Amino acid sequence: MKKIILSVAAVLALGFANAQETSADSGFSKGDLYVSGSLGFNSTKMGDIKSDGYAFTPGVGYFLTENIALEGAISLTKQTMGMEFDGETMDIEAKGFAFAVGGKYFFTPADRFSLFAGLGVGYGVNKIGDGETIDLKTFSVSLSPGINYFFNSNFAAQASLGMLGYSSSKFDFDGAESMDTFSLSMDMTNINFSLIYKF
């Protein structure tokens, strides 16, 4: 009986040591380089109007200090809106390209699980229509909290929850007025997921 108890204790101690070793390798530290990516789809229908689209956003980040990471990302989007008018279906397409830079402050970055606050600035152009297009240019600033979780020493999942932001959009033609928007969202409708690979 004594041998069994000692054997179980040894197995538990070994398992605990391995878990500690794995946890020590997980998380971020100063000098870490990582890449991220997110892919989103949307579909909305309201009466005779239907809208479908996607967004693909790859990015890269680097830890300047133990807690602060600098990030850069580009975003490719496409949105198609279809509507019926006098019995005919009309499609309007918008293709977008945007880039953003920003930083994140991570709380307990060396742990498997960490909270962060991110601040970003972005600029993008949406080309609306086929053939002759109209450009919609947008400048934005956003602040968002989030969580980060490492599955192992290299792969992690990240989610930003809500946003405090400002954006200014303007069509690129003479006489166009800018559309300024302030937004505050802290509910479950504004969650963005991405995958992280740390080198």
Protein backbone atom coordinates (compact mmCIF):
# COMPACT_ATOMS: atom_id res chain seq x y z
CA MET A 1 0.00 0.00 0.00
CA LYS A 2 2.84 2.33 0.88
CA LYS A 3 4.49 1.67 -2.51
CA ILE A 4 1.23 2.49 -4.33
CA ILE A 5 0.85 5.79 -2.45
CA LEU A 6 4.48 6.72 -3.20
CA SER A 7 4.04 5.79 -6.88
CA VAL A 8 0.88 7.93 -7.20
CA ALA A 9 2.63 10.82 -5.45
CA ALA A 10 5.60 10.51 -7.83
CA VAL A 11 3.31 10.50 -10.90
CA LEU A 12 1.41 13.55 -9.63
CA ALA A 13 4.66 15.38 -8.86
CA LEU A 14 6.01 14.60 -12.34
CA GLY A 15 2.77 15.75 -13.97
CA PHE A 16 2.83 18.96 -11.93
CA ALA A 17 6.46 19.59 -12.92
CA ASN A 18 5.63 19.07 -16.61
CA ALA A 19 2.64 21.42 -16.33
CA GLN A 20 4.86 24.05 -14.71
CA GLU A 21 7.44 23.64 -17.47
CA THR A 22 4.78 24.04 -20.18
CA SER A 23 3.33 27.11 -18.45
CA ALA A 24 6.77 28.67 -18.19
CA ASP A 25 7.16 28.50 -21.98
CA SER A 26 3.70 29.97 -22.59
CA GLY A 27 2.97 33.67 -22.67
CA PHE A 28 4.79 36.72 -24.02
CA SER A 29 8.06 38.37 -23.04
CA LYS A 30 10.23 41.26 -24.22
CA GLY A 31 11.56 40.73 -27.75
CA ASP A 32 8.83 38.28 -28.82
CA LEU A 33 7.67 38.50 -32.44
CA TYR A 34 4.28 37.15 -33.46
CA VAL A 35 1.88 37.07 -36.38
CA SER A 36 -1.90 37.20 -36.15
CA GLY A 37 -4.84 36.63 -38.42
CA SER A 38 -8.60 36.87 -38.38
CA LEU A 39 -11.28 35.98 -40.90
CA GLY A 40 -14.89 37.12 -40.61
CA PHE A 41 -18.08 36.63 -42.59
CA ASN A 42 -21.41 38.43 -42.35
CA SER A 43 -24.85 38.10 -43.89
CA THR A 44 -27.82 40.40 -43.29
CA LYS A 45 -31.32 40.40 -44.76
CA MET A 46 -33.92 43.12 -44.22
CA GLY A 47 -36.99 42.97 -46.42
CA ASP A 48 -35.85 43.04 -50.06
CA ILE A 49 -32.31 44.07 -49.14
CA LYS A 50 -29.60 41.47 -48.57
CA SER A 51 -25.97 42.08 -47.70
CA ASP A 52 -23.08 39.59 -47.63
CA GLY A 53 -19.42 40.15 -46.99
CA TYR A 54 -16.12 39.06 -45.54
CA ALA A 55 -13.02 40.56 -43.95
CA PHE A 56 -9.49 39.11 -43.79
CA THR A 57 -6.98 40.78 -41.47
CA PRO A 58 -3.38 39.56 -41.15
CA GLY A 59 -1.01 41.35 -38.79
CA VAL A 60 2.34 41.31 -37.00
CA GLY A 61 3.39 42.35 -33.50
CA TYR A 62 6.58 42.86 -31.49
CA PHE A 63 7.06 43.24 -27.73
CA LEU A 64 9.05 46.41 -27.06
CA THR A 65 8.97 45.83 -23.29
CA GLU A 66 7.69 43.11 -20.96
CA ASN A 67 4.14 44.52 -21.20
CA ILE A 68 3.89 46.67 -24.34
CA ALA A 69 3.54 45.31 -27.88
CA LEU A 70 3.58 47.35 -31.11
CA GLU A 71 1.29 46.02 -33.85
CA GLY A 72 0.58 46.57 -37.52
CA ALA A 73 -2.14 45.03 -39.70
CA ILE A 74 -3.81 45.24 -43.08
CA SER A 75 -7.43 44.42 -43.83
CA LEU A 76 -9.06 43.22 -47.04
CA THR A 77 -12.85 43.43 -47.20
CA LYS A 78 -15.65 42.84 -49.66
CA GLN A 79 -19.34 43.63 -49.19
CA THR A 80 -22.14 42.98 -51.67
CA MET A 81 -25.60 44.47 -51.24
CA GLY A 82 -28.51 43.26 -53.35
CA MET A 83 -31.90 44.96 -53.55
CA GLU A 84 -35.01 44.59 -55.68
CA PHE A 85 -36.18 47.67 -57.57
CA ASP A 86 -39.18 47.55 -59.94
CA GLY A 87 -38.92 43.76 -60.12
CA GLU A 88 -35.22 43.80 -60.97
CA THR A 89 -32.33 42.89 -58.69
CA MET A 90 -29.57 45.46 -58.37
CA ASP A 91 -26.20 44.57 -56.80
CA ILE A 92 -23.84 47.12 -55.27
CA GLU A 93 -20.32 45.97 -54.44
CA ALA A 94 -17.74 47.54 -52.15
CA LYS A 95 -14.12 46.38 -51.96
CA GLY A 96 -11.92 47.75 -49.23
CA PHE A 97 -8.28 47.94 -48.22
CA ALA A 98 -7.13 49.35 -44.89
CA PHE A 99 -4.07 49.42 -42.68
CA ALA A 100 -3.74 50.05 -38.97
CA VAL A 101 -0.99 50.57 -36.42
CA GLY A 102 -1.28 50.53 -32.68
CA GLY A 103 -0.12 49.15 -29.39
CA LYS A 104 -1.35 46.86 -26.65
CA TYR A 105 -0.61 46.81 -22.96
CA PHE A 106 -0.72 43.27 -21.57
CA PHE A 107 -1.39 42.52 -17.92
CA THR A 108 0.58 39.43 -16.78
CA PRO A 109 1.90 38.79 -20.34
CA ALA A 110 4.12 35.88 -19.23
CA ASP A 111 1.10 33.83 -18.12
CA ARG A 112 -0.95 31.49 -20.28
CA PHE A 113 -3.99 33.75 -19.71
CA SER A 114 -3.68 37.54 -19.92
CA LEU A 115 -5.81 40.66 -20.22
CA PHE A 116 -4.89 43.57 -22.47
CA ALA A 117 -5.94 47.06 -23.54
CA GLY A 118 -5.30 48.08 -27.15
CA LEU A 119 -5.15 51.47 -28.87
CA GLY A 120 -5.14 51.63 -32.68
CA VAL A 121 -5.23 54.11 -35.56
CA GLY A 122 -6.42 53.07 -39.00
CA TYR A 123 -6.97 54.41 -42.51
CA GLY A 124 -8.87 52.67 -45.27
CA VAL A 125 -10.45 53.10 -48.70
CA ASN A 126 -13.61 51.39 -49.93
CA LYS A 127 -14.23 51.36 -53.68
CA ILE A 128 -17.98 51.26 -54.26
CA GLY A 129 -19.55 50.19 -57.56
CA ASP A 130 -18.47 48.39 -60.73
CA GLY A 131 -16.51 49.99 -63.56
CA GLU A 132 -16.56 53.62 -62.44
CA THR A 133 -16.20 53.47 -58.67
CA ILE A 134 -16.65 55.99 -55.87
CA ASP A 135 -14.02 55.98 -53.12
CA LEU A 136 -15.05 56.20 -49.47
CA LYS A 137 -12.05 57.10 -47.30
CA THR A 138 -12.13 56.47 -43.56
CA PHE A 139 -9.87 57.45 -40.68
CA SER A 140 -10.45 55.79 -37.32
CA VAL A 141 -9.15 55.63 -33.75
CA SER A 142 -10.22 52.93 -31.33
CA LEU A 143 -9.57 51.71 -27.79
CA SER A 144 -10.58 48.16 -26.87
CA PRO A 145 -9.98 45.71 -24.00
CA GLY A 146 -9.47 42.01 -24.57
CA ILE A 147 -8.18 38.63 -23.45
CA ASN A 148 -5.36 36.39 -24.68
CA TYR A 149 -4.97 32.65 -24.04
CA PHE A 150 -2.05 30.37 -25.03
CA PHE A 151 -2.92 26.79 -26.01
CA ASN A 152 0.79 25.91 -25.97
CA SER A 153 4.12 27.74 -26.20
CA ASN A 154 3.42 29.07 -29.73
CA PHE A 155 -0.31 29.24 -30.46
CA ALA A 156 -2.79 31.57 -28.78
CA ALA A 157 -6.31 32.87 -29.29
CA GLN A 158 -7.19 36.51 -28.76
CA ALA A 159 -10.52 38.28 -28.42
CA SER A 160 -11.28 42.00 -28.13
CA LEU A 161 -14.47 42.79 -26.25
CA GLY A 162 -16.25 46.03 -27.08
CA MET A 163 -14.80 49.31 -28.29
CA LEU A 164 -14.56 53.02 -27.68
CA GLY A 165 -13.92 54.65 -31.02
CA TYR A 166 -14.11 57.58 -33.41
CA SER A 167 -14.23 57.44 -37.20
CA SER A 168 -14.47 60.02 -39.97
CA SER A 169 -15.54 58.94 -43.47
CA LYS A 170 -15.80 60.99 -46.64
CA PHE A 171 -16.62 60.23 -50.27
CA ASP A 172 -13.94 61.30 -52.71
CA PHE A 173 -15.81 63.85 -54.85
CA ASP A 174 -16.24 67.62 -54.78
CA GLY A 175 -18.71 68.90 -52.22
CA ALA A 176 -18.83 65.69 -50.19
CA GLU A 177 -19.21 66.15 -46.45
CA SER A 178 -17.52 63.99 -43.85
CA MET A 179 -19.51 61.59 -41.67
CA ASP A 180 -18.16 61.59 -38.12
CA THR A 181 -19.08 58.79 -35.73
CA PHE A 182 -18.37 58.27 -32.02
CA SER A 183 -19.11 54.79 -30.71
CA LEU A 184 -19.08 53.00 -27.37
CA SER A 185 -19.87 49.30 -27.28
CA MET A 186 -19.35 47.00 -24.29
CA ASP A 187 -21.72 44.18 -25.17
CA MET A 188 -21.45 40.76 -26.82
CA THR A 189 -22.27 42.14 -30.29
CA ASN A 190 -18.79 43.59 -30.80
CA ILE A 191 -16.35 40.70 -30.29
CA ASN A 192 -13.40 40.15 -32.62
CA PHE A 193 -11.43 36.89 -32.56
CA SER A 194 -7.96 36.25 -33.95
CA LEU A 195 -5.31 33.54 -33.84
CA ILE A 196 -1.71 34.23 -32.78
CA TYR A 197 1.52 32.43 -33.62
CA LYS A 198 4.55 33.41 -31.53
CA PHE A 199 8.02 32.71 -32.93
